Amino acid sequence: MMPLTIAIPGEENLIKRVGGKPETRQFLENLGFVVGGAVTVIAAIGGNVIVNVKDSRIAVSREMANKIMV
């Protein structure tokens, strides 16, 4: 298991755990980051990560991406 920030761009990963406070977990789940879901890193720019999740392209901060374990 590793944080989303060090995932290889272009490689599809399964979300294994979403950490953080309950409010943070709920926010990420509302964006589509659910355990068992697929996520693909498109690019990492300045620490922020752009990902494809549930047919949507989303940018998340480095801090948030570190809470998503793949």
PDB file of N, CA and C in Angstrom:
ATOM      1  N   MET A   1       0.852  -1.178   0.000  1.00  0.00           N
ATOM      2  CA  MET A   1       0.000   0.000   0.000  1.00  0.00           C
ATOM      3  C   MET A   1       0.895   1.238   0.000  1.00  0.00           C
ATOM      4  N   MET A   2       0.502   2.235  -0.803  1.00  0.00           N
ATOM      5  CA  MET A   2       1.281   3.471  -0.887  1.00  0.00           C
ATOM      6  C   MET A   2       0.318   4.641  -1.075  1.00  0.00           C
ATOM      7  N   PRO A   3       0.746   5.859  -0.709  1.00  0.00           N
ATOM      8  CA  PRO A   3      -0.119   7.018  -0.938  1.00  0.00           C
ATOM      9  C   PRO A   3      -0.220   7.338  -2.429  1.00  0.00           C
ATOM     10  N   LEU A   4      -1.314   7.953  -2.803  1.00  0.00           N
ATOM     11  CA  LEU A   4      -1.571   8.293  -4.199  1.00  0.00           C
ATOM     12  C   LEU A   4      -0.482   9.199  -4.775  1.00  0.00           C
ATOM     13  N   THR A   5       0.184   9.976  -3.924  1.00  0.00           N
ATOM     14  CA  THR A   5       1.210  10.913  -4.399  1.00  0.00           C
ATOM     15  C   THR A   5       2.396  10.226  -5.062  1.00  0.00           C
ATOM     16  N   ILE A   6       2.657   8.947  -4.742  1.00  0.00           N
ATOM     17  CA  ILE A   6       3.805   8.268  -5.354  1.00  0.00           C
ATOM     18  C   ILE A   6       3.384   7.213  -6.382  1.00  0.00           C
ATOM     19  N   ALA A   7       2.101   7.206  -6.743  1.00  0.00           N
ATOM     20  CA  ALA A   7       1.638   6.281  -7.786  1.00  0.00           C
ATOM     21  C   ALA A   7       2.219   6.708  -9.135  1.00  0.00           C
ATOM     22  N   ILE A   8       2.422   5.751 -10.010  1.00  0.00           N
ATOM     23  CA  ILE A   8       3.006   6.012 -11.327  1.00  0.00           C
ATOM     24  C   ILE A   8       1.936   6.589 -12.255  1.00  0.00           C
ATOM     25  N   PRO A   9       2.198   7.754 -12.878  1.00  0.00           N
ATOM     26  CA  PRO A   9       1.215   8.333 -13.807  1.00  0.00           C
ATOM     27  C   PRO A   9       0.872   7.378 -14.945  1.00  0.00           C
ATOM     28  N   GLY A  10      -0.416   7.308 -15.268  1.00  0.00           N
ATOM     29  CA  GLY A  10      -0.886   6.459 -16.347  1.00  0.00           C
ATOM     30  C   GLY A  10      -1.249   5.049 -15.911  1.00  0.00           C
ATOM     31  N   GLU A  11      -0.897   4.674 -14.701  1.00  0.00           N
ATOM     32  CA  GLU A  11      -1.174   3.328 -14.204  1.00  0.00           C
ATOM     33  C   GLU A  11      -2.438   3.344 -13.346  1.00  0.00           C
ATOM     34  N   GLU A  12      -3.377   2.424 -13.641  1.00  0.00           N
ATOM     35  CA  GLU A  12      -4.615   2.356 -12.858  1.00  0.00           C
ATOM     36  C   GLU A  12      -4.356   1.644 -11.536  1.00  0.00           C
ATOM     37  N   ASN A  13      -4.875   2.211 -10.459  1.00  0.00           N
ATOM     38  CA  ASN A  13      -4.715   1.643  -9.120  1.00  0.00           C
ATOM     39  C   ASN A  13      -6.075   1.491  -8.463  1.00  0.00           C
ATOM     40  N   LEU A  14      -6.175   0.557  -7.537  1.00  0.00           N
ATOM     41  CA  LEU A  14      -7.388   0.407  -6.736  1.00  0.00           C
ATOM     42  C   LEU A  14      -7.193   1.114  -5.403  1.00  0.00           C
ATOM     43  N   ILE A  15      -8.222   1.819  -4.977  1.00  0.00           N
ATOM     44  CA  ILE A  15      -8.157   2.517  -3.695  1.00  0.00           C
ATOM     45  C   ILE A  15      -8.351   1.485  -2.593  1.00  0.00           C
ATOM     46  N   LYS A  16      -7.392   1.425  -1.668  1.00  0.00           N
ATOM     47  CA  LYS A  16      -7.448   0.444  -0.588  1.00  0.00           C
ATOM     48  C   LYS A  16      -7.922   1.055   0.720  1.00  0.00           C
ATOM     49  N   ARG A  17      -7.630   2.355   0.921  1.00  0.00           N
ATOM     50  CA  ARG A  17      -8.019   3.009   2.162  1.00  0.00           C
ATOM     51  C   ARG A  17      -8.052   4.504   1.955  1.00  0.00           C
ATOM     52  N   VAL A  18      -9.008   5.166   2.607  1.00  0.00           N
ATOM     53  CA  VAL A  18      -9.085   6.625   2.598  1.00  0.00           C
ATOM     54  C   VAL A  18      -8.986   7.057   4.049  1.00  0.00           C
ATOM     55  N   GLY A  19      -7.935   7.799   4.379  1.00  0.00           N
ATOM     56  CA  GLY A  19      -7.692   8.210   5.761  1.00  0.00           C
ATOM     57  C   GLY A  19      -8.124   9.634   6.033  1.00  0.00           C
ATOM     58  N   GLY A  20      -7.778  10.098   7.207  1.00  0.00           N
ATOM     59  CA  GLY A  20      -8.093  11.471   7.598  1.00  0.00           C
ATOM     60  C   GLY A  20      -9.274  11.538   8.548  1.00  0.00           C
ATOM     61  N   LYS A  21      -9.661  12.762   8.869  1.00  0.00           N
ATOM     62  CA  LYS A  21     -10.804  12.992   9.745  1.00  0.00           C
ATOM     63  C   LYS A  21     -12.078  12.559   9.029  1.00  0.00           C
ATOM     64  N   PRO A  22     -13.146  12.280   9.779  1.00  0.00           N
ATOM     65  CA  PRO A  22     -14.406  11.864   9.143  1.00  0.00           C
ATOM     66  C   PRO A  22     -14.901  12.844   8.079  1.00  0.00           C
ATOM     67  N   GLU A  23     -14.732  14.152   8.310  1.00  0.00           N
ATOM     68  CA  GLU A  23     -15.175  15.147   7.325  1.00  0.00           C
ATOM     69  C   GLU A  23     -14.350  15.041   6.038  1.00  0.00           C
ATOM     70  N   THR A  24     -13.049  14.807   6.197  1.00  0.00           N
ATOM     71  CA  THR A  24     -12.156  14.672   5.043  1.00  0.00           C
ATOM     72  C   THR A  24     -12.502  13.426   4.242  1.00  0.00           C
ATOM     73  N   ARG A  25     -12.723  12.305   4.944  1.00  0.00           N
ATOM     74  CA  ARG A  25     -13.089  11.061   4.262  1.00  0.00           C
ATOM     75  C   ARG A  25     -14.397  11.226   3.502  1.00  0.00           C
ATOM     76  N   GLN A  26     -15.374  11.891   4.123  1.00  0.00           N
ATOM     77  CA  GLN A  26     -16.665  12.103   3.465  1.00  0.00           C
ATOM     78  C   GLN A  26     -16.500  12.962   2.220  1.00  0.00           C
ATOM     79  N   PHE A  27     -15.687  14.016   2.317  1.00  0.00           N
ATOM     80  CA  PHE A  27     -15.429  14.897   1.173  1.00  0.00           C
ATOM     81  C   PHE A  27     -14.820  14.113   0.012  1.00  0.00           C
ATOM     82  N   LEU A  28     -13.809  13.291   0.313  1.00  0.00           N
ATOM     83  CA  LEU A  28     -13.149  12.502  -0.728  1.00  0.00           C
ATOM     84  C   LEU A  28     -14.100  11.458  -1.320  1.00  0.00           C
ATOM     85  N   GLU A  29     -14.935  10.849  -0.480  1.00  0.00           N
ATOM     86  CA  GLU A  29     -15.907   9.881  -0.983  1.00  0.00           C
ATOM     87  C   GLU A  29     -16.922  10.545  -1.903  1.00  0.00           C
ATOM     88  N   ASN A  30     -17.314  11.758  -1.582  1.00  0.00           N
ATOM     89  CA  ASN A  30     -18.246  12.501  -2.443  1.00  0.00           C
ATOM     90  C   ASN A  30     -17.627  12.806  -3.799  1.00  0.00           C
ATOM     91  N   LEU A  31     -16.298  12.932  -3.855  1.00  0.00           N
ATOM     92  CA  LEU A  31     -15.609  13.164  -5.127  1.00  0.00           C
ATOM     93  C   LEU A  31     -15.446  11.876  -5.924  1.00  0.00           C
ATOM     94  N   GLY A  32     -15.667  10.729  -5.277  1.00  0.00           N
ATOM     95  CA  GLY A  32     -15.554   9.453  -5.967  1.00  0.00           C
ATOM     96  C   GLY A  32     -14.428   8.573  -5.487  1.00  0.00           C
ATOM     97  N   PHE A  33     -13.689   9.009  -4.473  1.00  0.00           N
ATOM     98  CA  PHE A  33     -12.582   8.217  -3.930  1.00  0.00           C
ATOM     99  C   PHE A  33     -13.127   7.248  -2.886  1.00  0.00           C
ATOM    100  N   VAL A  34     -13.623   6.096  -3.352  1.00  0.00           N
ATOM    101  CA  VAL A  34     -14.186   5.092  -2.457  1.00  0.00           C
ATOM    102  C   VAL A  34     -13.320   3.831  -2.484  1.00  0.00           C
ATOM    103  N   VAL A  35     -13.282   3.122  -1.374  1.00  0.00           N
ATOM    104  CA  VAL A  35     -12.486   1.892  -1.275  1.00  0.00           C
ATOM    105  C   VAL A  35     -12.973   0.902  -2.326  1.00  0.00           C
ATOM    106  N   GLY A  36     -12.019   0.355  -3.068  1.00  0.00           N
ATOM    107  CA  GLY A  36     -12.335  -0.589  -4.130  1.00  0.00           C
ATOM    108  C   GLY A  36     -12.502   0.067  -5.488  1.00  0.00           C
ATOM    109  N   GLY A  37     -12.557   1.389  -5.519  1.00  0.00           N
ATOM    110  CA  GLY A  37     -12.698   2.122  -6.776  1.00  0.00           C
ATOM    111  C   GLY A  37     -11.363   2.264  -7.488  1.00  0.00           C
ATOM    112  N   ALA A  38     -11.435   2.479  -8.795  1.00  0.00           N
ATOM    113  CA  ALA A  38     -10.222   2.644  -9.599  1.00  0.00           C
ATOM    114  C   ALA A  38      -9.859   4.123  -9.692  1.00  0.00           C
ATOM    115  N   VAL A  39      -8.561   4.399  -9.656  1.00  0.00           N
ATOM    116  CA  VAL A  39      -8.060   5.767  -9.800  1.00  0.00           C
ATOM    117  C   VAL A  39      -6.781   5.714 -10.638  1.00  0.00           C
ATOM    118  N   THR A  40      -6.665   6.658 -11.568  1.00  0.00           N
ATOM    119  CA  THR A  40      -5.477   6.743 -12.417  1.00  0.00           C
ATOM    120  C   THR A  40      -4.877   8.131 -12.289  1.00  0.00           C
ATOM    121  N   VAL A  41      -3.599   8.194 -11.947  1.00  0.00           N
ATOM    122  CA  VAL A  41      -2.902   9.482 -11.866  1.00  0.00           C
ATOM    123  C   VAL A  41      -2.591   9.940 -13.285  1.00  0.00           C
ATOM    124  N   ILE A  42      -3.023  11.157 -13.623  1.00  0.00           N
ATOM    125  CA  ILE A  42      -2.742  11.733 -14.932  1.00  0.00           C
ATOM    126  C   ILE A  42      -1.427  12.514 -14.892  1.00  0.00           C
ATOM    127  N   ALA A  43      -1.289  13.358 -13.865  1.00  0.00           N
ATOM    128  CA  ALA A  43      -0.078  14.170 -13.736  1.00  0.00           C
ATOM    129  C   ALA A  43       0.081  14.648 -12.302  1.00  0.00           C
ATOM    130  N   ALA A  44       1.320  14.938 -11.939  1.00  0.00           N
ATOM    131  CA  ALA A  44       1.624  15.546 -10.649  1.00  0.00           C
ATOM    132  C   ALA A  44       2.323  16.867 -10.935  1.00  0.00           C
ATOM    133  N   ILE A  45       1.679  17.967 -10.531  1.00  0.00           N
ATOM    134  CA  ILE A  45       2.196  19.304 -10.826  1.00  0.00           C
ATOM    135  C   ILE A  45       2.360  20.076  -9.524  1.00  0.00           C
ATOM    136  N   GLY A  46       3.588  20.388  -9.190  1.00  0.00           N
ATOM    137  CA  GLY A  46       3.855  21.172  -7.986  1.00  0.00           C
ATOM    138  C   GLY A  46       3.333  20.523  -6.718  1.00  0.00           C
ATOM    139  N   GLY A  47       3.327  19.201  -6.672  1.00  0.00           N
ATOM    140  CA  GLY A  47       2.832  18.511  -5.493  1.00  0.00           C
ATOM    141  C   GLY A  47       1.363  18.154  -5.581  1.00  0.00           C
ATOM    142  N   ASN A  48       0.599  18.894  -6.383  1.00  0.00           N
ATOM    143  CA  ASN A  48      -0.808  18.574  -6.573  1.00  0.00           C
ATOM    144  C   ASN A  48      -0.925  17.446  -7.588  1.00  0.00           C
ATOM    145  N   VAL A  49      -1.988  16.657  -7.477  1.00  0.00           N
ATOM    146  CA  VAL A  49      -2.148  15.481  -8.318  1.00  0.00           C
ATOM    147  C   VAL A  49      -3.443  15.598  -9.116  1.00  0.00           C
ATOM    148  N   ILE A  50      -3.359  15.346 -10.419  1.00  0.00           N
ATOM    149  CA  ILE A  50      -4.541  15.305 -11.274  1.00  0.00           C
ATOM    150  C   ILE A  50      -4.827  13.834 -11.554  1.00  0.00           C
ATOM    151  N   VAL A  51      -6.062  13.412 -11.255  1.00  0.00           N
ATOM    152  CA  VAL A  51      -6.425  12.000 -11.394  1.00  0.00           C
ATOM    153  C   VAL A  51      -7.717  11.830 -12.175  1.00  0.00           C
ATOM    154  N   ASN A  52      -7.881  10.635 -12.737  1.00  0.00           N
ATOM    155  CA  ASN A  52      -9.158  10.215 -13.308  1.00  0.00           C
ATOM    156  C   ASN A  52      -9.793   9.281 -12.302  1.00  0.00           C
ATOM    157  N   VAL A  53     -11.004   9.612 -11.877  1.00  0.00           N
ATOM    158  CA  VAL A  53     -11.743   8.748 -10.974  1.00  0.00           C
ATOM    159  C   VAL A  53     -13.209   8.806 -11.380  1.00  0.00           C
ATOM    160  N   LYS A  54     -13.814   7.648 -11.602  1.00  0.00           N
ATOM    161  CA  LYS A  54     -15.219   7.551 -12.013  1.00  0.00           C
ATOM    162  C   LYS A  54     -15.522   8.436 -13.217  1.00  0.00           C
ATOM    163  N   ASP A  55     -14.731   8.323 -14.267  1.00  0.00           N
ATOM    164  CA  ASP A  55     -14.911   9.074 -15.517  1.00  0.00           C
ATOM    165  C   ASP A  55     -14.849  10.585 -15.350  1.00  0.00           C
ATOM    166  N   SER A  56     -14.218  11.066 -14.286  1.00  0.00           N
ATOM    167  CA  SER A  56     -14.044  12.502 -14.066  1.00  0.00           C
ATOM    168  C   SER A  56     -12.570  12.787 -13.820  1.00  0.00           C
ATOM    169  N   ARG A  57     -12.137  13.955 -14.252  1.00  0.00           N
ATOM    170  CA  ARG A  57     -10.766  14.387 -13.997  1.00  0.00           C
ATOM    171  C   ARG A  57     -10.803  15.367 -12.829  1.00  0.00           C
ATOM    172  N   ILE A  58     -10.055  15.048 -11.776  1.00  0.00           N
ATOM    173  CA  ILE A  58     -10.097  15.832 -10.541  1.00  0.00           C
ATOM    174  C   ILE A  58      -8.674  16.174 -10.110  1.00  0.00           C
ATOM    175  N   ALA A  59      -8.483  17.390  -9.615  1.00  0.00           N
ATOM    176  CA  ALA A  59      -7.198  17.794  -9.048  1.00  0.00           C
ATOM    177  C   ALA A  59      -7.339  17.807  -7.527  1.00  0.00           C
ATOM    178  N   VAL A  60      -6.405  17.155  -6.854  1.00  0.00           N
ATOM    179  CA  VAL A  60      -6.404  17.151  -5.391  1.00  0.00           C
ATOM    180  C   VAL A  60      -5.037  17.615  -4.898  1.00  0.00           C
ATOM    181  N   SER A  61      -5.033  18.232  -3.734  1.00  0.00           N
ATOM    182  CA  SER A  61      -3.779  18.727  -3.165  1.00  0.00           C
ATOM    183  C   SER A  61      -2.913  17.558  -2.707  1.00  0.00           C
ATOM    184  N   ARG A  62      -1.653  17.839  -2.510  1.00  0.00           N
ATOM    185  CA  ARG A  62      -0.714  16.818  -2.029  1.00  0.00           C
ATOM    186  C   ARG A  62      -1.181  16.270  -0.677  1.00  0.00           C
ATOM    187  N   GLU A  63      -1.662  17.157   0.182  1.00  0.00           N
ATOM    188  CA  GLU A  63      -2.131  16.754   1.506  1.00  0.00           C
ATOM    189  C   GLU A  63      -3.291  15.752   1.411  1.00  0.00           C
ATOM    190  N   MET A  64      -4.256  16.035   0.523  1.00  0.00           N
ATOM    191  CA  MET A  64      -5.394  15.130   0.336  1.00  0.00           C
ATOM    192  C   MET A  64      -4.944  13.828  -0.318  1.00  0.00           C
ATOM    193  N   ALA A  65      -4.072  13.916  -1.307  1.00  0.00           N
ATOM    194  CA  ALA A  65      -3.605  12.730  -2.027  1.00  0.00           C
ATOM    195  C   ALA A  65      -2.841  11.788  -1.091  1.00  0.00           C
ATOM    196  N   ASN A  66      -2.173  12.327  -0.080  1.00  0.00           N
ATOM    197  CA  ASN A  66      -1.451  11.492   0.883  1.00  0.00           C
ATOM    198  C   ASN A  66      -2.391  10.677   1.757  1.00  0.00           C
ATOM    199  N   LYS A  67      -3.658  11.076   1.847  1.00  0.00           N
ATOM    200  CA  LYS A  67      -4.644  10.363   2.656  1.00  0.00           C
ATOM    201  C   LYS A  67      -5.282   9.210   1.876  1.00  0.00           C
ATOM    202  N   ILE A  68      -5.070   9.185   0.552  1.00  0.00           N
ATOM    203  CA  ILE A  68      -5.652   8.135  -0.286  1.00  0.00           C
ATOM    204  C   ILE A  68      -4.593   7.074  -0.531  1.00  0.00           C
ATOM    205  N   MET A  69      -4.834   5.869  -0.009  1.00  0.00           N
ATOM    206  CA  MET A  69      -3.870   4.773  -0.139  1.00  0.00           C
ATOM    207  C   MET A  69      -4.295   3.827  -1.253  1.00  0.00           C
ATOM    208  N   VAL A  70      -3.336   3.498  -2.124  1.00  0.00           N
ATOM    209  CA  VAL A  70      -3.618   2.592  -3.245  1.00  0.00           C
ATOM    210  C   VAL A  70      -2.697   1.382  -3.179  1.00  0.00           C
TER     211      VAL A  70
END
